[in-house]
């Protein structure tokens, strides 16, 4: 093998390495484009989510909820729909007095 054949082989190897580097660069560029598109989609989704959250907070106002319900056909209840409940006072019957509670606490402490 002569010197020119060695130079030719080295040149072909360098050319093949350059082709490989260009191929890798193309793949990396393609992946970068996909990532940027996904980031844009994510940003759009976050923006829509924030908008919907703002609408939800705004609609949490009871008057707007009632107005929307009336728009769907809600009416005032009639007398038969009311329900009355009586609550009677119940005596508080504790099983232990305050002094018993304190004594029990000290006993459990030691």
N, C-alpha and C. Protein backbone atom coordinates (compact mmCIF):
# COMPACT_ATOMS: atom_id res chain seq x y z
N UNK A 1 0.84 -1.17 0.00
CA UNK A 1 0.00 0.00 0.00
C UNK A 1 0.89 1.25 0.00
N UNK A 2 0.47 2.13 -0.79
CA UNK A 2 1.26 3.35 -0.94
C UNK A 2 0.70 4.45 -0.05
N UNK A 3 1.38 5.53 0.00
CA UNK A 3 0.98 6.67 0.83
C UNK A 3 -0.34 7.25 0.34
N UNK A 4 -0.53 7.28 -0.96
CA UNK A 4 -1.78 7.83 -1.50
C UNK A 4 -2.97 6.96 -1.12
N UNK A 5 -2.80 5.64 -1.03
CA UNK A 5 -3.91 4.77 -0.62
C UNK A 5 -4.24 4.99 0.85
N UNK A 6 -3.22 5.23 1.69
CA UNK A 6 -3.48 5.54 3.10
C UNK A 6 -4.24 6.86 3.24
N UNK A 7 -3.84 7.82 2.48
CA UNK A 7 -4.53 9.12 2.50
C UNK A 7 -5.97 8.95 2.04
N UNK A 8 -6.20 8.11 1.02
CA UNK A 8 -7.54 7.86 0.50
C UNK A 8 -8.40 7.17 1.56
N UNK A 9 -7.84 6.19 2.28
CA UNK A 9 -8.58 5.47 3.32
C UNK A 9 -8.92 6.42 4.47
N UNK A 10 -7.96 7.23 4.87
CA UNK A 10 -8.21 8.20 5.94
C UNK A 10 -9.27 9.20 5.52
N UNK A 11 -9.22 9.62 4.27
CA UNK A 11 -10.22 10.55 3.73
C UNK A 11 -11.61 9.94 3.75
N UNK A 12 -11.72 8.66 3.34
CA UNK A 12 -13.02 7.98 3.35
C UNK A 12 -13.55 7.82 4.78
N UNK A 13 -12.65 7.48 5.71
CA UNK A 13 -13.07 7.35 7.11
C UNK A 13 -13.53 8.70 7.67
N UNK A 14 -12.82 9.77 7.34
CA UNK A 14 -13.22 11.11 7.78
C UNK A 14 -14.56 11.48 7.18
N UNK A 15 -14.77 11.14 5.88
CA UNK A 15 -16.04 11.43 5.22
C UNK A 15 -17.18 10.68 5.89
N UNK A 16 -16.95 9.40 6.24
CA UNK A 16 -17.97 8.60 6.90
C UNK A 16 -18.29 9.17 8.29
N UNK A 17 -17.24 9.64 9.00
CA UNK A 17 -17.46 10.25 10.32
C UNK A 17 -18.27 11.52 10.20
N UNK A 18 -17.98 12.31 9.16
CA UNK A 18 -18.73 13.56 8.95
C UNK A 18 -20.20 13.26 8.62
N UNK A 19 -20.43 12.24 7.81
CA UNK A 19 -21.81 11.84 7.48
C UNK A 19 -22.54 11.42 8.77
N UNK A 20 -21.86 10.67 9.61
CA UNK A 20 -22.46 10.25 10.89
C UNK A 20 -22.80 11.43 11.78
N UNK A 21 -21.89 12.40 11.84
CA UNK A 21 -22.15 13.59 12.65
C UNK A 21 -23.33 14.37 12.09
N UNK A 22 -23.42 14.51 10.78
CA UNK A 22 -24.56 15.21 10.17
C UNK A 22 -25.88 14.48 10.45
N UNK A 23 -25.83 13.16 10.40
CA UNK A 23 -27.04 12.37 10.69
C UNK A 23 -27.47 12.59 12.14
N UNK A 24 -26.51 12.56 13.09
CA UNK A 24 -26.84 12.81 14.49
C UNK A 24 -27.42 14.21 14.68
N UNK A 25 -26.84 15.17 14.01
CA UNK A 25 -27.34 16.55 14.11
C UNK A 25 -28.77 16.64 13.60
N UNK A 26 -29.07 15.96 12.52
CA UNK A 26 -30.44 15.96 11.99
C UNK A 26 -31.42 15.34 12.98
N UNK A 27 -31.04 14.23 13.60
CA UNK A 27 -31.91 13.57 14.59
C UNK A 27 -32.13 14.47 15.79
N UNK A 28 -31.05 15.10 16.28
CA UNK A 28 -31.16 16.00 17.43
C UNK A 28 -32.05 17.18 17.10
N UNK A 29 -31.91 17.74 15.91
CA UNK A 29 -32.74 18.86 15.51
C UNK A 29 -34.21 18.46 15.44
N UNK A 30 -34.49 17.27 14.93
CA UNK A 30 -35.87 16.77 14.85
C UNK A 30 -36.47 16.61 16.25
N UNK A 31 -35.70 16.03 17.18
CA UNK A 31 -36.17 15.86 18.56
C UNK A 31 -36.39 17.21 19.23
N UNK A 32 -35.50 18.16 18.95
CA UNK A 32 -35.65 19.50 19.51
C UNK A 32 -36.94 20.15 19.03
N UNK A 33 -37.27 19.97 17.75
CA UNK A 33 -38.51 20.52 17.20
C UNK A 33 -39.72 19.89 17.88
N UNK A 34 -39.68 18.57 18.10
CA UNK A 34 -40.78 17.89 18.79
C UNK A 34 -40.94 18.42 20.22
N UNK A 35 -39.82 18.62 20.90
CA UNK A 35 -39.86 19.12 22.28
C UNK A 35 -40.45 20.53 22.32
N UNK A 36 -40.05 21.37 21.40
CA UNK A 36 -40.59 22.73 21.37
C UNK A 36 -42.10 22.72 21.08
N UNK A 37 -42.56 21.84 20.21
CA UNK A 37 -43.99 21.74 19.93
C UNK A 37 -44.75 21.26 21.17
N UNK A 38 -44.16 20.29 21.88
CA UNK A 38 -44.81 19.80 23.11
C UNK A 38 -44.83 20.87 24.19
N UNK A 39 -43.76 21.66 24.29
CA UNK A 39 -43.73 22.76 25.25
C UNK A 39 -44.81 23.80 24.92
N UNK A 40 -44.98 24.09 23.65
CA UNK A 40 -46.02 25.04 23.22
C UNK A 40 -47.40 24.48 23.56
N UNK A 41 -47.61 23.18 23.33
CA UNK A 41 -48.89 22.56 23.67
C UNK A 41 -49.13 22.63 25.16
N UNK A 42 -48.09 22.38 25.96
CA UNK A 42 -48.21 22.45 27.41
C UNK A 42 -48.54 23.87 27.86
N UNK A 43 -47.87 24.85 27.30
CA UNK A 43 -48.14 26.24 27.66
C UNK A 43 -49.59 26.61 27.32
N UNK A 44 -50.08 26.16 26.16
CA UNK A 44 -51.47 26.42 25.79
C UNK A 44 -52.44 25.76 26.77
N UNK A 45 -52.13 24.51 27.17
CA UNK A 45 -52.99 23.80 28.10
C UNK A 45 -52.99 24.48 29.47
N UNK A 46 -51.84 24.94 29.92
CA UNK A 46 -51.76 25.64 31.20
C UNK A 46 -52.55 26.94 31.13
N UNK A 47 -52.47 27.63 30.02
CA UNK A 47 -53.20 28.89 29.85
C UNK A 47 -54.71 28.64 29.87
N UNK A 48 -55.16 27.60 29.19
CA UNK A 48 -56.59 27.25 29.19
C UNK A 48 -57.02 26.84 30.60
N UNK A 49 -56.18 26.08 31.29
CA UNK A 49 -56.49 25.66 32.66
C UNK A 49 -56.62 26.86 33.59
N UNK A 50 -55.71 27.82 33.48
CA UNK A 50 -55.78 29.02 34.30
C UNK A 50 -57.05 29.81 33.99
N UNK A 51 -57.40 29.87 32.72
CA UNK A 51 -58.62 30.58 32.32
C UNK A 51 -59.86 29.91 32.91
N UNK A 52 -59.91 28.58 32.82
CA UNK A 52 -61.05 27.84 33.37
C UNK A 52 -61.11 27.98 34.89
N UNK A 53 -59.95 27.98 35.53
CA UNK A 53 -59.91 28.15 36.98
C UNK A 53 -60.44 29.53 37.37
N UNK A 54 -60.06 30.54 36.60
CA UNK A 54 -60.58 31.89 36.84
C UNK A 54 -62.08 31.95 36.67
N UNK A 55 -62.59 31.28 35.64
CA UNK A 55 -64.04 31.24 35.43
C UNK A 55 -64.73 30.53 36.58
N UNK A 56 -64.12 29.46 37.07
CA UNK A 56 -64.70 28.71 38.18
C UNK A 56 -64.76 29.56 39.44
N UNK A 57 -63.68 30.30 39.73
CA UNK A 57 -63.67 31.17 40.91
C UNK A 57 -64.72 32.25 40.75
N UNK A 58 -64.86 32.78 39.55
CA UNK A 58 -65.87 33.81 39.31
C UNK A 58 -67.26 33.24 39.49
N UNK A 59 -67.50 32.02 39.04
CA UNK A 59 -68.82 31.41 39.14
C UNK A 59 -69.13 30.90 40.53
N UNK A 60 -68.15 30.92 41.44
CA UNK A 60 -68.41 30.48 42.81
C UNK A 60 -69.29 31.49 43.54
N UNK A 61 -69.49 32.64 42.97
CA UNK A 61 -70.36 33.65 43.54
C UNK A 61 -71.78 33.08 43.60
N UNK A 62 -72.40 33.11 44.77
CA UNK A 62 -73.71 32.48 44.94
C UNK A 62 -74.79 33.12 44.07
N UNK A 63 -74.71 34.43 43.88
CA UNK A 63 -75.72 35.08 43.04
C UNK A 63 -75.64 34.60 41.60
N UNK A 64 -74.42 34.41 41.10
CA UNK A 64 -74.30 33.95 39.72
C UNK A 64 -74.75 32.49 39.60
N UNK A 65 -74.50 31.69 40.66
CA UNK A 65 -74.97 30.30 40.65
C UNK A 65 -76.49 30.27 40.65
N UNK A 66 -77.10 31.12 41.48
CA UNK A 66 -78.57 31.16 41.52
C UNK A 66 -79.15 31.64 40.19
N UNK A 67 -78.52 32.64 39.59
CA UNK A 67 -79.00 33.14 38.31
C UNK A 67 -78.91 32.06 37.24
N UNK A 68 -77.81 31.30 37.26
CA UNK A 68 -77.67 30.22 36.29
C UNK A 68 -78.70 29.13 36.54
N UNK A 69 -78.95 28.80 37.81
CA UNK A 69 -79.95 27.78 38.15
C UNK A 69 -81.35 28.25 37.72
N UNK A 70 -81.64 29.51 37.93
CA UNK A 70 -82.95 30.03 37.49
C UNK A 70 -83.05 29.98 35.96
N UNK A 71 -81.94 30.18 35.29
CA UNK A 71 -81.93 30.06 33.84
C UNK A 71 -82.25 28.64 33.39
N UNK A 72 -81.89 27.65 34.23
CA UNK A 72 -82.20 26.26 33.92
C UNK A 72 -83.60 25.86 34.36
N UNK A 73 -84.33 26.78 35.01
CA UNK A 73 -85.71 26.49 35.38
C UNK A 73 -85.96 26.35 36.86
N UNK A 74 -85.02 26.71 37.72
CA UNK A 74 -85.25 26.61 39.16
C UNK A 74 -86.28 27.65 39.58
N UNK A 75 -87.18 27.26 40.48
CA UNK A 75 -88.21 28.17 41.00
C UNK A 75 -88.15 28.17 42.51
N UNK A 76 -88.85 29.11 43.13
CA UNK A 76 -88.94 29.15 44.59
C UNK A 76 -89.74 27.95 45.07
N UNK A 77 -89.40 27.38 46.23
CA UNK A 77 -90.16 26.23 46.73
C UNK A 77 -91.55 26.64 47.19
N UNK A 78 -92.49 25.74 47.03
CA UNK A 78 -93.86 25.99 47.50
C UNK A 78 -93.94 25.55 48.96
N UNK A 79 -95.04 25.91 49.62
CA UNK A 79 -95.18 25.66 51.05
C UNK A 79 -95.03 24.18 51.39
N UNK A 80 -95.51 23.28 50.55
CA UNK A 80 -95.43 21.85 50.84
C UNK A 80 -93.99 21.32 50.81
N UNK A 81 -93.12 22.05 50.17
CA UNK A 81 -91.73 21.61 50.06
C UNK A 81 -90.88 22.01 51.27
N UNK A 82 -91.40 22.92 52.10
CA UNK A 82 -90.65 23.32 53.29
C UNK A 82 -90.74 22.24 54.34
N UNK A 83 -89.71 22.09 55.12
CA UNK A 83 -89.67 21.09 56.17
C UNK A 83 -89.19 21.77 57.44
N UNK A 84 -89.94 21.63 58.49
CA UNK A 84 -89.59 22.26 59.76
C UNK A 84 -89.05 21.21 60.71
N UNK A 85 -88.01 21.56 61.42
CA UNK A 85 -87.44 20.67 62.42
C UNK A 85 -87.30 21.44 63.72
N UNK A 86 -87.66 20.78 64.81
CA UNK A 86 -87.54 21.39 66.12
C UNK A 86 -86.32 20.80 66.81
N UNK A 87 -85.57 21.69 67.43
CA UNK A 87 -84.39 21.26 68.16
C UNK A 87 -84.62 21.60 69.62
N UNK A 88 -84.51 20.61 70.46
CA UNK A 88 -84.69 20.85 71.89
C UNK A 88 -83.33 20.87 72.56
N UNK A 89 -83.23 21.63 73.62
CA UNK A 89 -81.98 21.69 74.37
C UNK A 89 -81.81 20.39 75.13
N UNK A 90 -80.64 19.85 75.09
CA UNK A 90 -80.34 18.62 75.79
C UNK A 90 -79.33 18.93 76.88
N UNK A 91 -79.60 18.45 78.06
CA UNK A 91 -78.70 18.71 79.18
C UNK A 91 -77.38 17.98 78.93
N UNK A 92 -76.31 18.69 79.20
CA UNK A 92 -74.99 18.10 79.01
C UNK A 92 -74.69 17.20 80.20
N UNK A 93 -74.65 15.95 79.99
CA UNK A 93 -74.41 15.00 81.05
C UNK A 93 -73.00 14.42 80.88
N UNK A 94 -72.07 15.01 81.57
CA UNK A 94 -70.72 14.47 81.50
C UNK A 94 -70.57 13.38 82.54
N UNK A 95 -69.82 12.40 82.24
CA UNK A 95 -69.64 11.26 83.12
C UNK A 95 -68.67 11.54 84.24
N UNK A 96 -67.76 12.46 84.01
CA UNK A 96 -66.75 12.76 85.03
C UNK A 96 -66.77 14.25 85.31
N UNK A 97 -66.54 14.61 86.58
CA UNK A 97 -66.45 16.02 86.94
C UNK A 97 -65.06 16.52 86.60
N UNK A 98 -64.89 17.84 86.68
CA UNK A 98 -63.59 18.43 86.36
C UNK A 98 -62.50 17.94 87.30
N UNK A 99 -62.81 17.82 88.57
CA UNK A 99 -61.79 17.36 89.52
C UNK A 99 -61.40 15.91 89.23
N UNK A 100 -62.36 15.09 88.81
CA UNK A 100 -62.04 13.70 88.47
C UNK A 100 -61.16 13.64 87.22
N UNK A 101 -61.42 14.50 86.29
CA UNK A 101 -60.62 14.53 85.06
C UNK A 101 -59.18 14.91 85.38
N UNK A 102 -59.00 15.95 86.25
CA UNK A 102 -57.65 16.38 86.61
C UNK A 102 -56.94 15.29 87.39
N UNK A 103 -57.64 14.65 88.34
CA UNK A 103 -57.03 13.58 89.12
C UNK A 103 -56.63 12.42 88.22
N UNK A 104 -57.51 12.07 87.25
CA UNK A 104 -57.21 10.97 86.33
C UNK A 104 -55.99 11.32 85.47
N UNK A 105 -55.88 12.57 85.09
CA UNK A 105 -54.76 13.01 84.27
C UNK A 105 -53.45 12.87 85.04
N UNK A 106 -53.47 13.30 86.33
CA UNK A 106 -52.28 13.16 87.16
C UNK A 106 -51.94 11.69 87.39
N UNK A 107 -52.93 10.86 87.57
CA UNK A 107 -52.66 9.43 87.79
C UNK A 107 -52.02 8.81 86.54
N UNK A 108 -52.49 9.19 85.40
CA UNK A 108 -51.92 8.63 84.17
C UNK A 108 -50.54 9.21 83.86
N UNK A 109 -50.30 10.39 84.40
CA UNK A 109 -49.01 11.04 84.18
C UNK A 109 -47.90 10.29 84.90
N UNK A 110 -48.19 9.80 86.10
CA UNK A 110 -47.16 9.13 86.91
C UNK A 110 -47.36 7.69 86.92
